[in-house]
Amino acid sequence: MTVNMTKGQAISLQKDDGGTLTAVRMGLGWQAAPRRGLFGTRTREVDLDASAVLFADKQPVDVVFFRHLVSDDGSVRHTGDNLVGGVGQGGDDEAVLVDLQRVPVHIDQIVFTVNSFTGQTFQEVRHAFCRMVDETNGQELARYTLAGGGAYTAQIMAKVHRSGSGWQMTALGVPANGRTFQDLMPTILPVL
């Protein structure tokens, strides 16, 4: 059963039977918002980029994004760059796979971001979401949908962080401006 998350809400990433999740997928999706023009309504393709920044004790130690598809330790993998969005009409346009059992013990948080490399704002985006899926069976565990667009070019979507012997996901939904994950670091650090 999917949990529809609200900003700031955290959920445990435990299986219904009490077992621990071993592999998850953070899927991101979006569509271009129709715009009114002189000759009617049209849409312009929107290229958003998903990134996962791995932290150890609040220090960034690795990143996975369209130019570095696999973390140095191999535990986190980006499935590839989608330049237009809306391909799945509600499905994942970009995804980041996390093998929770292989994440090195010193990594305590993984922050997922989405940004417009081309500088388009979220006013040009609709139906943007992130969702956590149990990669072993395809079951959607949680979904966070962005409400409304804004004059910003990025979102700090969610984080997965260690909690005791397991992991938790927290929906963040923090607007930011920047074309790359490096530009977003001043906005990411306060949510760690």
N, C-alpha and C. Protein backbone atom coordinates (compact mmCIF):
# COMPACT_ATOMS: atom_id res chain seq x y z
N MET A 1 0.84 -1.18 0.00
CA MET A 1 0.00 0.00 0.00
C MET A 1 0.89 1.25 0.00
N THR A 2 0.57 2.20 -0.85
CA THR A 2 1.34 3.43 -0.99
C THR A 2 0.95 4.43 0.09
N VAL A 3 1.94 5.10 0.65
CA VAL A 3 1.71 6.21 1.56
C VAL A 3 1.88 7.48 0.75
N ASN A 4 0.84 8.31 0.69
CA ASN A 4 0.96 9.62 0.04
C ASN A 4 1.50 10.59 1.08
N MET A 5 2.72 11.01 0.88
CA MET A 5 3.43 11.79 1.88
C MET A 5 3.18 13.28 1.74
N THR A 6 3.29 13.96 2.86
CA THR A 6 3.24 15.41 2.88
C THR A 6 4.65 15.93 3.22
N LYS A 7 4.88 17.17 2.89
CA LYS A 7 6.18 17.78 3.13
C LYS A 7 6.58 17.61 4.59
N GLY A 8 7.79 17.10 4.82
CA GLY A 8 8.31 16.91 6.16
C GLY A 8 7.97 15.57 6.79
N GLN A 9 7.07 14.81 6.18
CA GLN A 9 6.66 13.52 6.73
C GLN A 9 7.76 12.49 6.53
N ALA A 10 7.96 11.64 7.54
CA ALA A 10 8.95 10.56 7.45
C ALA A 10 8.24 9.22 7.60
N ILE A 11 8.72 8.22 6.86
CA ILE A 11 8.19 6.87 7.00
C ILE A 11 9.36 5.91 7.13
N SER A 12 9.14 4.81 7.82
CA SER A 12 10.14 3.77 7.96
C SER A 12 10.15 2.93 6.69
N LEU A 13 11.32 2.54 6.26
CA LEU A 13 11.44 1.69 5.08
C LEU A 13 11.58 0.23 5.52
N GLN A 14 10.57 -0.22 6.25
CA GLN A 14 10.48 -1.62 6.66
C GLN A 14 9.40 -2.28 5.84
N LYS A 15 9.55 -3.57 5.57
CA LYS A 15 8.52 -4.30 4.86
C LYS A 15 7.33 -4.54 5.79
N ASP A 16 6.17 -4.83 5.19
CA ASP A 16 4.97 -5.08 5.98
C ASP A 16 5.16 -6.24 6.95
N ASP A 17 5.99 -7.23 6.58
CA ASP A 17 6.21 -8.38 7.45
C ASP A 17 7.28 -8.13 8.50
N GLY A 18 7.78 -6.89 8.59
CA GLY A 18 8.79 -6.52 9.58
C GLY A 18 10.21 -6.68 9.07
N GLY A 19 10.37 -7.27 7.88
CA GLY A 19 11.69 -7.43 7.30
C GLY A 19 12.25 -6.09 6.83
N THR A 20 13.50 -6.11 6.48
CA THR A 20 14.18 -4.90 6.03
C THR A 20 14.24 -4.87 4.51
N LEU A 21 13.98 -3.71 3.95
CA LEU A 21 14.12 -3.54 2.51
C LEU A 21 15.59 -3.67 2.14
N THR A 22 15.84 -4.28 0.99
CA THR A 22 17.22 -4.47 0.56
C THR A 22 17.58 -3.56 -0.61
N ALA A 23 16.61 -3.24 -1.47
CA ALA A 23 16.88 -2.41 -2.63
C ALA A 23 15.65 -1.56 -2.93
N VAL A 24 15.87 -0.27 -3.15
CA VAL A 24 14.76 0.64 -3.43
C VAL A 24 15.08 1.46 -4.67
N ARG A 25 14.03 1.98 -5.26
CA ARG A 25 14.16 2.87 -6.42
C ARG A 25 13.45 4.17 -6.09
N MET A 26 14.17 5.28 -6.24
CA MET A 26 13.54 6.59 -6.12
C MET A 26 13.23 7.02 -7.55
N GLY A 27 11.95 6.97 -7.90
CA GLY A 27 11.53 7.37 -9.22
C GLY A 27 11.08 8.81 -9.22
N LEU A 28 11.42 9.54 -10.26
CA LEU A 28 11.01 10.94 -10.40
C LEU A 28 10.27 11.09 -11.72
N GLY A 29 9.20 11.84 -11.68
CA GLY A 29 8.44 12.06 -12.91
C GLY A 29 7.92 13.48 -12.98
N TRP A 30 7.62 13.91 -14.20
CA TRP A 30 7.10 15.26 -14.42
C TRP A 30 6.52 15.36 -15.82
N GLN A 31 5.75 16.40 -16.02
CA GLN A 31 5.24 16.72 -17.35
C GLN A 31 5.39 18.22 -17.57
N ALA A 32 5.49 18.59 -18.83
CA ALA A 32 5.52 20.02 -19.16
C ALA A 32 4.12 20.58 -19.01
N ALA A 33 4.02 21.74 -18.40
CA ALA A 33 2.73 22.41 -18.24
C ALA A 33 2.36 23.12 -19.53
N PRO A 34 1.09 23.03 -19.94
CA PRO A 34 0.68 23.76 -21.14
C PRO A 34 0.76 25.27 -20.90
N ARG A 35 1.16 25.99 -21.92
CA ARG A 35 1.25 27.44 -21.81
C ARG A 35 0.39 28.06 -22.90
N ARG A 36 -0.25 29.14 -22.56
CA ARG A 36 -1.05 29.85 -23.54
C ARG A 36 -0.16 30.76 -24.37
N GLY A 37 -0.37 30.69 -25.65
CA GLY A 37 0.39 31.53 -26.56
C GLY A 37 -0.55 32.27 -27.49
N LEU A 38 0.01 32.98 -28.38
CA LEU A 38 -0.75 33.75 -29.34
C LEU A 38 -1.65 32.87 -30.21
N PHE A 39 -1.19 31.66 -30.49
CA PHE A 39 -1.94 30.76 -31.36
C PHE A 39 -2.52 29.56 -30.61
N GLY A 40 -2.83 29.72 -29.34
CA GLY A 40 -3.43 28.64 -28.56
C GLY A 40 -2.49 28.10 -27.49
N THR A 41 -2.81 26.94 -26.99
CA THR A 41 -2.03 26.31 -25.93
C THR A 41 -0.97 25.41 -26.53
N ARG A 42 0.21 25.46 -25.93
CA ARG A 42 1.30 24.60 -26.38
C ARG A 42 2.13 24.19 -25.16
N THR A 43 2.92 23.16 -25.33
CA THR A 43 3.85 22.77 -24.28
C THR A 43 5.26 22.81 -24.83
N ARG A 44 6.19 23.10 -23.97
CA ARG A 44 7.61 23.11 -24.31
C ARG A 44 8.27 22.02 -23.48
N GLU A 45 9.09 21.22 -24.09
CA GLU A 45 9.75 20.14 -23.36
C GLU A 45 10.53 20.69 -22.17
N VAL A 46 10.51 19.93 -21.08
CA VAL A 46 11.22 20.34 -19.87
C VAL A 46 12.21 19.23 -19.51
N ASP A 47 13.47 19.60 -19.38
CA ASP A 47 14.53 18.66 -19.03
C ASP A 47 14.89 18.84 -17.57
N LEU A 48 14.40 17.93 -16.72
CA LEU A 48 14.79 17.94 -15.32
C LEU A 48 15.80 16.82 -15.10
N ASP A 49 16.67 17.01 -14.14
CA ASP A 49 17.71 16.03 -13.85
C ASP A 49 17.65 15.60 -12.40
N ALA A 50 17.62 14.29 -12.20
CA ALA A 50 17.62 13.72 -10.85
C ALA A 50 19.05 13.49 -10.40
N SER A 51 19.29 13.73 -9.13
CA SER A 51 20.60 13.47 -8.53
C SER A 51 20.40 12.86 -7.16
N ALA A 52 21.38 12.09 -6.73
CA ALA A 52 21.41 11.55 -5.36
C ALA A 52 22.76 11.90 -4.77
N VAL A 53 22.74 12.65 -3.68
CA VAL A 53 23.98 13.06 -3.02
C VAL A 53 24.13 12.23 -1.75
N LEU A 54 25.24 11.53 -1.64
CA LEU A 54 25.52 10.66 -0.50
C LEU A 54 26.32 11.43 0.54
N PHE A 55 25.85 11.36 1.79
CA PHE A 55 26.49 12.10 2.87
C PHE A 55 26.98 11.16 3.96
N ALA A 56 28.10 11.53 4.56
CA ALA A 56 28.63 10.87 5.74
C ALA A 56 28.85 11.97 6.77
N ASP A 57 28.13 11.91 7.85
CA ASP A 57 28.25 12.91 8.92
C ASP A 57 28.14 14.33 8.37
N LYS A 58 27.11 14.55 7.55
CA LYS A 58 26.77 15.86 6.97
C LYS A 58 27.80 16.38 5.97
N GLN A 59 28.68 15.51 5.51
CA GLN A 59 29.66 15.89 4.50
C GLN A 59 29.36 15.12 3.21
N PRO A 60 29.26 15.81 2.06
CA PRO A 60 29.04 15.08 0.81
C PRO A 60 30.27 14.25 0.45
N VAL A 61 30.05 12.96 0.14
CA VAL A 61 31.18 12.08 -0.19
C VAL A 61 31.07 11.49 -1.59
N ASP A 62 29.90 11.55 -2.20
CA ASP A 62 29.72 11.03 -3.55
C ASP A 62 28.41 11.56 -4.09
N VAL A 63 28.24 11.48 -5.40
CA VAL A 63 27.00 11.91 -6.03
C VAL A 63 26.75 11.04 -7.24
N VAL A 64 25.47 10.80 -7.50
CA VAL A 64 25.05 10.06 -8.68
C VAL A 64 24.11 10.97 -9.45
N PHE A 65 24.44 11.20 -10.74
CA PHE A 65 23.62 12.05 -11.60
C PHE A 65 23.94 11.69 -13.04
N PHE A 66 23.39 12.43 -14.00
CA PHE A 66 23.49 12.03 -15.40
C PHE A 66 24.92 11.97 -15.94
N ARG A 67 25.86 12.60 -15.28
CA ARG A 67 27.26 12.53 -15.73
C ARG A 67 28.11 11.56 -14.91
N HIS A 68 27.55 11.02 -13.86
CA HIS A 68 28.23 10.03 -12.99
C HIS A 68 27.13 9.06 -12.55
N LEU A 69 26.87 8.05 -13.37
CA LEU A 69 25.69 7.20 -13.22
C LEU A 69 25.77 6.18 -12.08
N VAL A 70 26.95 5.90 -11.57
CA VAL A 70 27.09 4.90 -10.50
C VAL A 70 28.00 5.46 -9.42
N SER A 71 27.57 5.28 -8.16
CA SER A 71 28.41 5.75 -7.04
C SER A 71 29.73 4.99 -7.05
N ASP A 72 30.74 5.57 -6.45
CA ASP A 72 32.07 4.97 -6.44
C ASP A 72 32.06 3.57 -5.83
N ASP A 73 31.18 3.33 -4.85
CA ASP A 73 31.11 2.01 -4.21
C ASP A 73 30.13 1.07 -4.91
N GLY A 74 29.38 1.57 -5.91
CA GLY A 74 28.45 0.75 -6.67
C GLY A 74 27.08 0.53 -6.05
N SER A 75 26.81 1.14 -4.90
CA SER A 75 25.53 0.90 -4.22
C SER A 75 24.38 1.75 -4.75
N VAL A 76 24.68 2.83 -5.45
CA VAL A 76 23.65 3.73 -5.96
C VAL A 76 23.88 3.88 -7.47
N ARG A 77 22.76 3.76 -8.24
CA ARG A 77 22.89 3.79 -9.70
C ARG A 77 21.75 4.60 -10.32
N HIS A 78 22.10 5.51 -11.20
CA HIS A 78 21.13 6.31 -11.97
C HIS A 78 20.81 5.55 -13.24
N THR A 79 19.53 5.51 -13.64
CA THR A 79 19.15 4.73 -14.82
C THR A 79 19.34 5.47 -16.14
N GLY A 80 19.65 6.76 -16.10
CA GLY A 80 19.90 7.50 -17.33
C GLY A 80 19.10 8.78 -17.41
N ASP A 81 19.53 9.66 -18.28
CA ASP A 81 18.98 11.00 -18.41
C ASP A 81 17.76 11.00 -19.33
N ASN A 82 16.68 11.63 -18.89
CA ASN A 82 15.48 11.84 -19.71
C ASN A 82 15.45 13.33 -20.01
N LEU A 83 15.42 13.68 -21.27
CA LEU A 83 15.52 15.08 -21.66
C LEU A 83 14.19 15.80 -21.81
N VAL A 84 13.06 15.07 -21.71
CA VAL A 84 11.77 15.72 -22.00
C VAL A 84 10.72 15.53 -20.92
N GLY A 85 10.78 14.47 -20.12
CA GLY A 85 9.75 14.22 -19.11
C GLY A 85 8.44 13.78 -19.73
N GLY A 86 7.56 13.26 -18.88
CA GLY A 86 6.23 12.88 -19.33
C GLY A 86 6.17 11.63 -20.18
N VAL A 87 7.30 10.94 -20.35
CA VAL A 87 7.32 9.76 -21.20
C VAL A 87 6.38 8.70 -20.67
N GLY A 88 6.41 8.48 -19.35
CA GLY A 88 5.57 7.45 -18.77
C GLY A 88 4.17 7.91 -18.45
N GLN A 89 3.83 9.16 -18.72
CA GLN A 89 2.51 9.70 -18.39
C GLN A 89 2.12 9.30 -16.97
N GLY A 90 2.94 9.66 -16.02
CA GLY A 90 2.69 9.33 -14.62
C GLY A 90 3.70 8.33 -14.09
N GLY A 91 4.46 7.70 -14.99
CA GLY A 91 5.51 6.78 -14.57
C GLY A 91 6.80 7.53 -14.31
N ASP A 92 7.85 6.79 -14.02
CA ASP A 92 9.14 7.40 -13.72
C ASP A 92 9.82 7.88 -15.00
N ASP A 93 10.26 9.11 -14.99
CA ASP A 93 11.03 9.65 -16.10
C ASP A 93 12.52 9.45 -15.86
N GLU A 94 12.94 9.54 -14.63
CA GLU A 94 14.31 9.21 -14.24
C GLU A 94 14.21 8.44 -12.92
N ALA A 95 15.18 7.58 -12.69
CA ALA A 95 15.16 6.78 -11.45
C ALA A 95 16.57 6.61 -10.93
N VAL A 96 16.66 6.49 -9.61
CA VAL A 96 17.91 6.21 -8.93
C VAL A 96 17.69 4.95 -8.10
N LEU A 97 18.49 3.93 -8.35
CA LEU A 97 18.39 2.66 -7.63
C LEU A 97 19.39 2.65 -6.48
N VAL A 98 18.93 2.21 -5.31
CA VAL A 98 19.79 2.16 -4.14
C VAL A 98 19.76 0.75 -3.57
N ASP A 99 20.91 0.10 -3.54
CA ASP A 99 21.06 -1.21 -2.91
C ASP A 99 21.42 -0.94 -1.46
N LEU A 100 20.41 -0.92 -0.60
CA LEU A 100 20.60 -0.51 0.79
C LEU A 100 21.61 -1.39 1.53
N GLN A 101 21.71 -2.65 1.15
CA GLN A 101 22.65 -3.55 1.81
C GLN A 101 24.10 -3.24 1.45
N ARG A 102 24.31 -2.61 0.29
CA ARG A 102 25.67 -2.30 -0.16
C ARG A 102 26.11 -0.89 0.20
N VAL A 103 25.20 -0.05 0.67
CA VAL A 103 25.59 1.31 1.04
C VAL A 103 26.58 1.21 2.20
N PRO A 104 27.76 1.76 2.04
CA PRO A 104 28.77 1.68 3.11
C PRO A 104 28.24 2.25 4.43
N VAL A 105 28.66 1.66 5.50
CA VAL A 105 28.15 2.01 6.82
C VAL A 105 28.37 3.47 7.17
N HIS A 106 29.41 4.11 6.62
CA HIS A 106 29.66 5.51 6.96
C HIS A 106 28.69 6.47 6.24
N ILE A 107 28.01 6.01 5.19
CA ILE A 107 27.00 6.84 4.51
C ILE A 107 25.74 6.80 5.36
N ASP A 108 25.32 7.95 5.87
CA ASP A 108 24.14 7.97 6.74
C ASP A 108 22.93 8.65 6.12
N GLN A 109 23.10 9.35 4.99
CA GLN A 109 21.98 10.00 4.33
C GLN A 109 22.22 10.04 2.82
N ILE A 110 21.14 9.90 2.09
CA ILE A 110 21.17 10.07 0.64
C ILE A 110 20.05 11.06 0.31
N VAL A 111 20.43 12.19 -0.25
CA VAL A 111 19.46 13.25 -0.56
C VAL A 111 19.19 13.24 -2.06
N PHE A 112 17.89 13.24 -2.42
CA PHE A 112 17.47 13.20 -3.81
C PHE A 112 17.00 14.59 -4.23
N THR A 113 17.58 15.06 -5.33
CA THR A 113 17.22 16.38 -5.84
C THR A 113 16.77 16.26 -7.29
N VAL A 114 16.09 17.29 -7.74
CA VAL A 114 15.74 17.41 -9.15
C VAL A 114 15.95 18.86 -9.52
N ASN A 115 16.62 19.08 -10.66
CA ASN A 115 16.90 20.46 -11.07
C ASN A 115 16.79 20.59 -12.58
N SER A 116 16.57 21.81 -13.00
CA SER A 116 16.46 22.12 -14.42
C SER A 116 17.82 22.62 -14.90
N PHE A 117 18.52 21.76 -15.61
CA PHE A 117 19.84 22.12 -16.12
C PHE A 117 19.74 23.27 -17.13
N THR A 118 18.61 23.35 -17.84
CA THR A 118 18.42 24.38 -18.86
C THR A 118 17.84 25.67 -18.29
N GLY A 119 17.52 25.68 -16.99
CA GLY A 119 17.05 26.90 -16.34
C GLY A 119 15.55 27.13 -16.37
N GLN A 120 14.79 26.17 -16.89
CA GLN A 120 13.33 26.32 -16.86
C GLN A 120 12.86 26.24 -15.41
N THR A 121 11.81 26.97 -15.07
CA THR A 121 11.32 26.96 -13.70
C THR A 121 10.19 25.94 -13.55
N PHE A 122 9.84 25.67 -12.31
CA PHE A 122 8.77 24.73 -12.02
C PHE A 122 7.40 25.30 -12.39
N GLN A 123 7.34 26.57 -12.79
CA GLN A 123 6.10 27.11 -13.35
C GLN A 123 5.79 26.42 -14.67
N GLU A 124 6.81 25.85 -15.31
CA GLU A 124 6.64 25.17 -16.59
C GLU A 124 6.48 23.66 -16.41
N VAL A 125 6.33 23.21 -15.17
CA VAL A 125 6.23 21.79 -14.85
C VAL A 125 4.91 21.52 -14.14
N ARG A 126 4.33 20.35 -14.43
CA ARG A 126 3.15 19.92 -13.67
C ARG A 126 3.32 18.44 -13.36
N HIS A 127 2.56 17.99 -12.39
CA HIS A 127 2.55 16.58 -11.99
C HIS A 127 3.93 16.05 -11.64
N ALA A 128 4.76 16.87 -10.99
CA ALA A 128 6.08 16.41 -10.56
C ALA A 128 5.93 15.60 -9.28
N PHE A 129 6.66 14.49 -9.20
CA PHE A 129 6.56 13.63 -8.03
C PHE A 129 7.87 12.88 -7.83
N CYS A 130 8.03 12.36 -6.64
CA CYS A 130 9.04 11.35 -6.40
C CYS A 130 8.33 10.21 -5.68
N ARG A 131 8.80 8.99 -5.93
CA ARG A 131 8.18 7.83 -5.30
C ARG A 131 9.24 6.82 -4.94
N MET A 132 9.04 6.17 -3.81
CA MET A 132 9.95 5.13 -3.35
C MET A 132 9.30 3.78 -3.66
N VAL A 133 10.05 2.93 -4.35
CA VAL A 133 9.56 1.62 -4.77
C VAL A 133 10.47 0.54 -4.21
N ASP A 134 9.87 -0.54 -3.71
CA ASP A 134 10.63 -1.72 -3.31
C ASP A 134 11.11 -2.38 -4.60
N GLU A 135 12.39 -2.31 -4.87
CA GLU A 135 12.92 -2.78 -6.14
C GLU A 135 12.83 -4.30 -6.28
N THR A 136 12.68 -5.03 -5.18
CA THR A 136 12.62 -6.49 -5.26
C THR A 136 11.28 -6.99 -5.79
N ASN A 137 10.20 -6.20 -5.58
CA ASN A 137 8.89 -6.67 -6.04
C ASN A 137 8.09 -5.61 -6.82
N GLY A 138 8.64 -4.40 -6.97
CA GLY A 138 7.97 -3.35 -7.73
C GLY A 138 6.86 -2.63 -6.97
N GLN A 139 6.68 -2.93 -5.70
CA GLN A 139 5.62 -2.30 -4.91
C GLN A 139 5.99 -0.86 -4.55
N GLU A 140 5.10 0.08 -4.88
CA GLU A 140 5.31 1.47 -4.48
C GLU A 140 5.04 1.60 -2.99
N LEU A 141 6.00 2.16 -2.29
CA LEU A 141 5.91 2.31 -0.83
C LEU A 141 5.42 3.69 -0.42
N ALA A 142 5.91 4.71 -1.11
CA ALA A 142 5.57 6.08 -0.75
C ALA A 142 5.68 6.96 -1.99
N ARG A 143 4.87 8.02 -1.98
CA ARG A 143 4.86 8.98 -3.09
C ARG A 143 4.72 10.38 -2.50
N TYR A 144 5.53 11.29 -3.02
CA TYR A 144 5.43 12.69 -2.65
C TYR A 144 5.21 13.49 -3.93
N THR A 145 4.08 14.18 -4.01
CA THR A 145 3.72 14.96 -5.19
C THR A 145 3.90 16.44 -4.88
N LEU A 146 4.58 17.14 -5.78
CA LEU A 146 4.78 18.58 -5.59
C LEU A 146 3.48 19.31 -5.90
N ALA A 147 3.10 20.18 -5.04
CA ALA A 147 1.89 20.96 -5.25
C ALA A 147 2.25 22.29 -5.89
N GLY A 148 1.72 22.54 -7.08
CA GLY A 148 1.93 23.82 -7.75
C GLY A 148 3.35 24.05 -8.20
N GLY A 149 3.51 24.92 -9.16
CA GLY A 149 4.83 25.28 -9.66
C GLY A 149 5.30 26.54 -8.98
N GLY A 150 6.50 26.91 -9.26
CA GLY A 150 7.04 28.12 -8.68
C GLY A 150 8.17 28.65 -9.51
N ALA A 151 8.65 29.81 -9.15
CA ALA A 151 9.71 30.49 -9.91
C ALA A 151 11.08 30.02 -9.45
N TYR A 152 11.24 28.72 -9.23
CA TYR A 152 12.51 28.15 -8.84
C TYR A 152 12.89 27.08 -9.85
N THR A 153 14.15 26.71 -9.89
CA THR A 153 14.64 25.77 -10.90
C THR A 153 15.01 24.40 -10.34
N ALA A 154 14.78 24.19 -9.05
CA ALA A 154 15.16 22.91 -8.44
C ALA A 154 14.29 22.62 -7.22
N GLN A 155 14.34 21.36 -6.80
CA GLN A 155 13.67 20.91 -5.59
C GLN A 155 14.58 19.93 -4.87
N ILE A 156 14.67 20.08 -3.57
CA ILE A 156 15.27 19.05 -2.74
C ILE A 156 14.08 18.15 -2.40
N MET A 157 13.97 17.01 -3.08
CA MET A 157 12.74 16.21 -3.04
C MET A 157 12.59 15.41 -1.75
N ALA A 158 13.58 14.59 -1.43
CA ALA A 158 13.45 13.67 -0.31
C ALA A 158 14.83 13.22 0.12
N LYS A 159 14.86 12.57 1.27
CA LYS A 159 16.11 11.95 1.70
C LYS A 159 15.79 10.58 2.30
N VAL A 160 16.77 9.70 2.16
CA VAL A 160 16.74 8.40 2.80
C VAL A 160 17.87 8.43 3.81
N HIS A 161 17.56 8.10 5.05
CA HIS A 161 18.58 8.21 6.09
C HIS A 161 18.49 7.04 7.05
N ARG A 162 19.62 6.72 7.64
CA ARG A 162 19.67 5.61 8.60
C ARG A 162 18.90 5.99 9.85
N SER A 163 18.18 4.98 10.36
CA SER A 163 17.42 5.15 11.60
C SER A 163 17.53 3.84 12.36
N GLY A 164 18.37 3.82 13.40
CA GLY A 164 18.61 2.57 14.11
C GLY A 164 19.28 1.58 13.16
N SER A 165 18.70 0.39 13.05
CA SER A 165 19.27 -0.63 12.17
C SER A 165 18.66 -0.60 10.77
N GLY A 166 17.72 0.34 10.53
CA GLY A 166 17.06 0.41 9.23
C GLY A 166 17.21 1.77 8.58
N TRP A 167 16.30 2.06 7.68
CA TRP A 167 16.30 3.30 6.92
C TRP A 167 14.94 3.96 7.01
N GLN A 168 14.91 5.29 6.87
CA GLN A 168 13.68 6.07 6.79
C GLN A 168 13.74 6.94 5.55
N MET A 169 12.56 7.27 5.03
CA MET A 169 12.47 8.26 3.95
C MET A 169 11.73 9.45 4.51
N THR A 170 12.22 10.65 4.20
CA THR A 170 11.56 11.88 4.60
C THR A 170 11.31 12.72 3.34
N ALA A 171 10.06 13.12 3.15
CA ALA A 171 9.71 14.02 2.04
C ALA A 171 10.14 15.42 2.42
N LEU A 172 10.89 16.08 1.56
CA LEU A 172 11.41 17.41 1.88
C LEU A 172 10.68 18.51 1.10
N GLY A 173 10.66 18.44 -0.21
CA GLY A 173 9.94 19.42 -1.02
C GLY A 173 10.41 20.84 -0.82
N VAL A 174 11.72 21.03 -0.73
CA VAL A 174 12.28 22.35 -0.49
C VAL A 174 12.66 22.98 -1.84
N PRO A 175 12.05 24.11 -2.20
CA PRO A 175 12.41 24.76 -3.46
C PRO A 175 13.81 25.36 -3.38
N ALA A 176 14.47 25.39 -4.54
CA ALA A 176 15.83 25.93 -4.61
C ALA A 176 16.08 26.45 -6.01
N ASN A 177 17.21 27.06 -6.20
CA ASN A 177 17.61 27.52 -7.52
C ASN A 177 19.00 27.01 -7.82
N GLY A 178 19.15 26.47 -9.01
CA GLY A 178 20.44 25.97 -9.43
C GLY A 178 20.29 25.01 -10.59
N ARG A 179 21.35 24.90 -11.36
CA ARG A 179 21.34 24.02 -12.53
C ARG A 179 21.93 22.65 -12.23
N THR A 180 22.70 22.54 -11.16
CA THR A 180 23.36 21.28 -10.81
C THR A 180 23.23 21.03 -9.31
N PHE A 181 23.57 19.81 -8.91
CA PHE A 181 23.54 19.48 -7.48
C PHE A 181 24.51 20.36 -6.70
N GLN A 182 25.64 20.76 -7.29
CA GLN A 182 26.59 21.63 -6.59
C GLN A 182 25.93 22.96 -6.22
N ASP A 183 25.12 23.50 -7.13
CA ASP A 183 24.42 24.76 -6.85
C ASP A 183 23.44 24.62 -5.68
N LEU A 184 22.98 23.39 -5.44
CA LEU A 184 21.95 23.16 -4.43
C LEU A 184 22.50 22.89 -3.03
N MET A 185 23.80 22.74 -2.89
CA MET A 185 24.37 22.38 -1.60
C MET A 185 23.98 23.34 -0.47
N PRO A 186 23.95 24.67 -0.67
CA PRO A 186 23.55 25.54 0.43
C PRO A 186 22.11 25.29 0.90
N THR A 187 21.26 24.76 0.03
CA THR A 187 19.88 24.46 0.40
C THR A 187 19.78 23.05 1.00
N ILE A 188 20.63 22.14 0.57
CA ILE A 188 20.60 20.76 1.09
C ILE A 188 21.10 20.70 2.53
N LEU A 189 22.21 21.35 2.83
CA LEU A 189 22.85 21.21 4.14
C LEU A 189 21.91 21.47 5.32
N PRO A 190 21.02 22.47 5.29
CA PRO A 190 20.14 22.68 6.44
C PRO A 190 19.10 21.57 6.66
N VAL A 191 18.84 20.72 5.66
CA VAL A 191 17.83 19.67 5.84
C VAL A 191 18.43 18.32 6.26
N LEU A 192 19.75 18.30 6.47
CA LEU A 192 20.39 17.05 6.88
C LEU A 192 20.13 16.74 8.34
